[in-house]
């Protein structure tokens, strides 16, 4: 269970840091913490106890650590690149969606606030209809040549 939990928790943390701070510099302490957690887990609950006893293979252990922790470092470093490349839902996207339904009335005081609420309701209703349409499509309908 260690590997999936480790992977998911640190990837989630790195993704959150990248999206919320916009700075990759915060990933460095996260990476160092991940390395410490990895070494501590291996020391506390080793995969094979015999592997943690000195056997004259210190050099090989160093290479192994560099390769394994290096792959972890590359994975964490790749997160900001992926968040920049892969489109994701954001406040900007939500504002663009709502904007299509927003038409404030200059004559009403407080009209912008009420109009925003109306636009949000209308946008959500339309998105829910679209979601229902998407969910109702059957395999035969999807692969049918006629529409």
Protein backbone atom coordinates (compact mmCIF):
# COMPACT_ATOMS: atom_id res chain seq x y z
CA UNK A 1 0.00 0.00 0.00
CA UNK A 2 2.95 2.33 0.51
CA UNK A 3 3.69 2.96 -3.15
CA UNK A 4 0.18 3.93 -4.31
CA UNK A 5 -0.46 6.06 -1.21
CA UNK A 6 2.97 7.67 -1.48
CA UNK A 7 2.53 8.33 -5.18
CA UNK A 8 -1.01 9.70 -4.93
CA UNK A 9 -0.39 11.85 -1.87
CA UNK A 10 2.77 13.50 -3.16
CA UNK A 11 1.42 13.92 -6.69
CA UNK A 12 -1.73 15.50 -5.25
CA UNK A 13 0.36 17.77 -3.03
CA UNK A 14 2.61 18.79 -5.92
CA UNK A 15 -0.37 19.44 -8.17
CA UNK A 16 -2.05 21.54 -5.48
CA UNK A 17 1.12 23.52 -4.85
CA UNK A 18 1.56 24.16 -8.57
CA UNK A 19 -2.00 25.35 -9.05
CA UNK A 20 -2.29 27.41 -5.87
CA UNK A 21 1.11 29.08 -5.68
CA UNK A 22 2.13 29.16 -9.33
CA UNK A 23 5.72 28.68 -8.15
CA UNK A 24 7.78 25.57 -8.70
CA UNK A 25 10.11 26.66 -5.89
CA UNK A 26 7.67 25.22 -3.34
CA UNK A 27 8.12 21.80 -4.94
CA UNK A 28 11.71 21.58 -3.72
CA UNK A 29 10.78 21.22 -0.01
CA UNK A 30 8.04 18.80 -1.02
CA UNK A 31 10.55 16.72 -2.94
CA UNK A 32 12.98 16.69 -0.01
CA UNK A 33 10.15 15.65 2.31
CA UNK A 34 9.14 12.87 -0.10
CA UNK A 35 12.71 11.57 -0.14
CA UNK A 36 12.87 11.60 3.67
CA UNK A 37 9.52 9.78 3.89
CA UNK A 38 10.72 7.19 1.38
CA UNK A 39 13.95 6.50 3.27
CA UNK A 40 12.15 6.47 6.64
CA UNK A 41 9.55 4.00 5.38
CA UNK A 42 12.24 1.67 4.08
CA UNK A 43 14.12 1.88 7.38
CA UNK A 44 10.99 1.45 9.54
CA UNK A 45 9.27 -1.26 7.50
CA UNK A 46 11.73 -2.67 4.95
CA UNK A 47 10.62 -4.75 2.03
CA UNK A 48 13.32 -7.26 3.01
CA UNK A 49 15.06 -6.87 6.39
CA UNK A 50 18.21 -8.54 5.06
CA UNK A 51 18.54 -5.78 2.50
CA UNK A 52 19.00 -3.21 5.30
CA UNK A 53 22.04 -4.93 6.78
CA UNK A 54 25.48 -3.96 5.45
CA UNK A 55 26.70 -6.44 2.83
CA UNK A 56 29.52 -4.48 1.23
CA UNK A 57 27.17 -3.03 -1.38
CA UNK A 58 27.18 0.62 -0.30
CA UNK A 59 28.10 1.86 -3.81
CA UNK A 60 25.27 -0.06 -5.37
CA UNK A 61 22.92 1.29 -2.70
CA UNK A 62 23.93 4.84 -3.59
CA UNK A 63 23.31 4.23 -7.31
CA UNK A 64 19.98 2.60 -6.49
CA UNK A 65 18.95 5.56 -4.32
CA UNK A 66 19.96 8.06 -7.01
CA UNK A 67 18.00 6.20 -9.69
CA UNK A 68 14.88 5.69 -7.56
CA UNK A 69 14.85 9.11 -5.93
CA UNK A 70 15.89 10.68 -9.23
CA UNK A 71 12.82 9.20 -10.89
CA UNK A 72 10.72 10.60 -8.05
CA UNK A 73 12.33 14.01 -8.52
CA UNK A 74 11.59 13.93 -12.24
CA UNK A 75 7.98 12.96 -11.55
CA UNK A 76 7.52 15.86 -9.15
CA UNK A 77 9.32 18.25 -11.52
CA UNK A 78 7.01 17.15 -14.33
CA UNK A 79 3.86 18.28 -12.44
CA UNK A 80 4.17 22.03 -13.19
CA UNK A 81 4.85 21.24 -16.83
CA UNK A 82 1.72 19.08 -17.02
CA UNK A 83 -0.46 21.66 -15.28
CA UNK A 84 0.70 24.25 -17.81
CA UNK A 85 0.08 21.97 -20.81
CA UNK A 86 -3.11 20.14 -19.84
CA UNK A 87 -6.15 22.41 -19.83
CA UNK A 88 -7.89 22.43 -16.48
CA UNK A 89 -11.03 23.99 -15.07
CA UNK A 90 -10.36 27.29 -13.37
CA UNK A 91 -12.10 30.46 -12.25
CA UNK A 92 -11.29 31.96 -15.65
CA UNK A 93 -13.08 29.11 -17.43
CA UNK A 94 -16.08 29.44 -15.10
CA UNK A 95 -16.23 33.19 -15.71
CA UNK A 96 -16.18 32.57 -19.47
CA UNK A 97 -19.04 30.08 -19.18
CA UNK A 98 -21.17 32.41 -17.06
CA UNK A 99 -20.38 35.43 -19.24
CA UNK A 100 -22.43 33.93 -22.07
CA UNK A 101 -25.53 34.16 -19.87
CA UNK A 102 -24.73 37.51 -18.24
CA UNK A 103 -26.43 40.69 -19.43
CA UNK A 104 -26.66 43.33 -16.68
CA UNK A 105 -29.36 45.96 -16.75
CA UNK A 106 -27.90 49.44 -16.15
CA UNK A 107 -31.25 50.77 -14.90
CA UNK A 108 -31.58 48.39 -11.92
CA UNK A 109 -29.62 49.18 -8.73
CA UNK A 110 -27.82 46.08 -7.56
CA UNK A 111 -28.72 44.60 -10.92
CA UNK A 112 -25.27 43.17 -11.52
CA UNK A 113 -25.43 40.96 -8.45
CA UNK A 114 -28.91 39.65 -9.27
CA UNK A 115 -27.98 39.23 -12.91
CA UNK A 116 -24.90 37.23 -11.95
CA UNK A 117 -27.02 34.89 -9.82
CA UNK A 118 -29.51 34.49 -12.68
CA UNK A 119 -26.69 33.85 -15.17
CA UNK A 120 -25.16 31.24 -12.85
CA UNK A 121 -28.52 29.44 -12.49
CA UNK A 122 -29.10 29.48 -16.25
CA UNK A 123 -25.57 28.30 -16.98
CA UNK A 124 -25.86 25.45 -14.46
CA UNK A 125 -29.25 24.41 -15.83
CA UNK A 126 -27.81 24.29 -19.36
CA UNK A 127 -24.75 22.33 -18.20
CA UNK A 128 -27.00 19.85 -16.36
CA UNK A 129 -29.06 19.33 -19.54
CA UNK A 130 -25.86 18.74 -21.50
CA UNK A 131 -24.64 16.29 -18.87
CA UNK A 132 -27.94 14.40 -19.07
CA UNK A 133 -27.63 14.23 -22.86
CA UNK A 134 -24.07 12.92 -22.60
CA UNK A 135 -25.06 10.32 -20.00
CA UNK A 136 -28.02 9.13 -22.09
CA UNK A 137 -26.01 8.32 -25.22
CA UNK A 138 -25.87 4.57 -25.75
CA UNK A 139 -23.07 2.66 -27.37
CA UNK A 140 -25.19 1.92 -30.46
CA UNK A 141 -26.12 5.60 -30.78
CA UNK A 142 -22.50 6.67 -30.41
CA UNK A 143 -21.18 4.29 -33.05
CA UNK A 144 -24.15 4.75 -35.40
CA UNK A 145 -23.32 6.44 -38.71
CA UNK A 146 -26.60 8.36 -38.69
CA UNK A 147 -27.34 11.07 -36.20
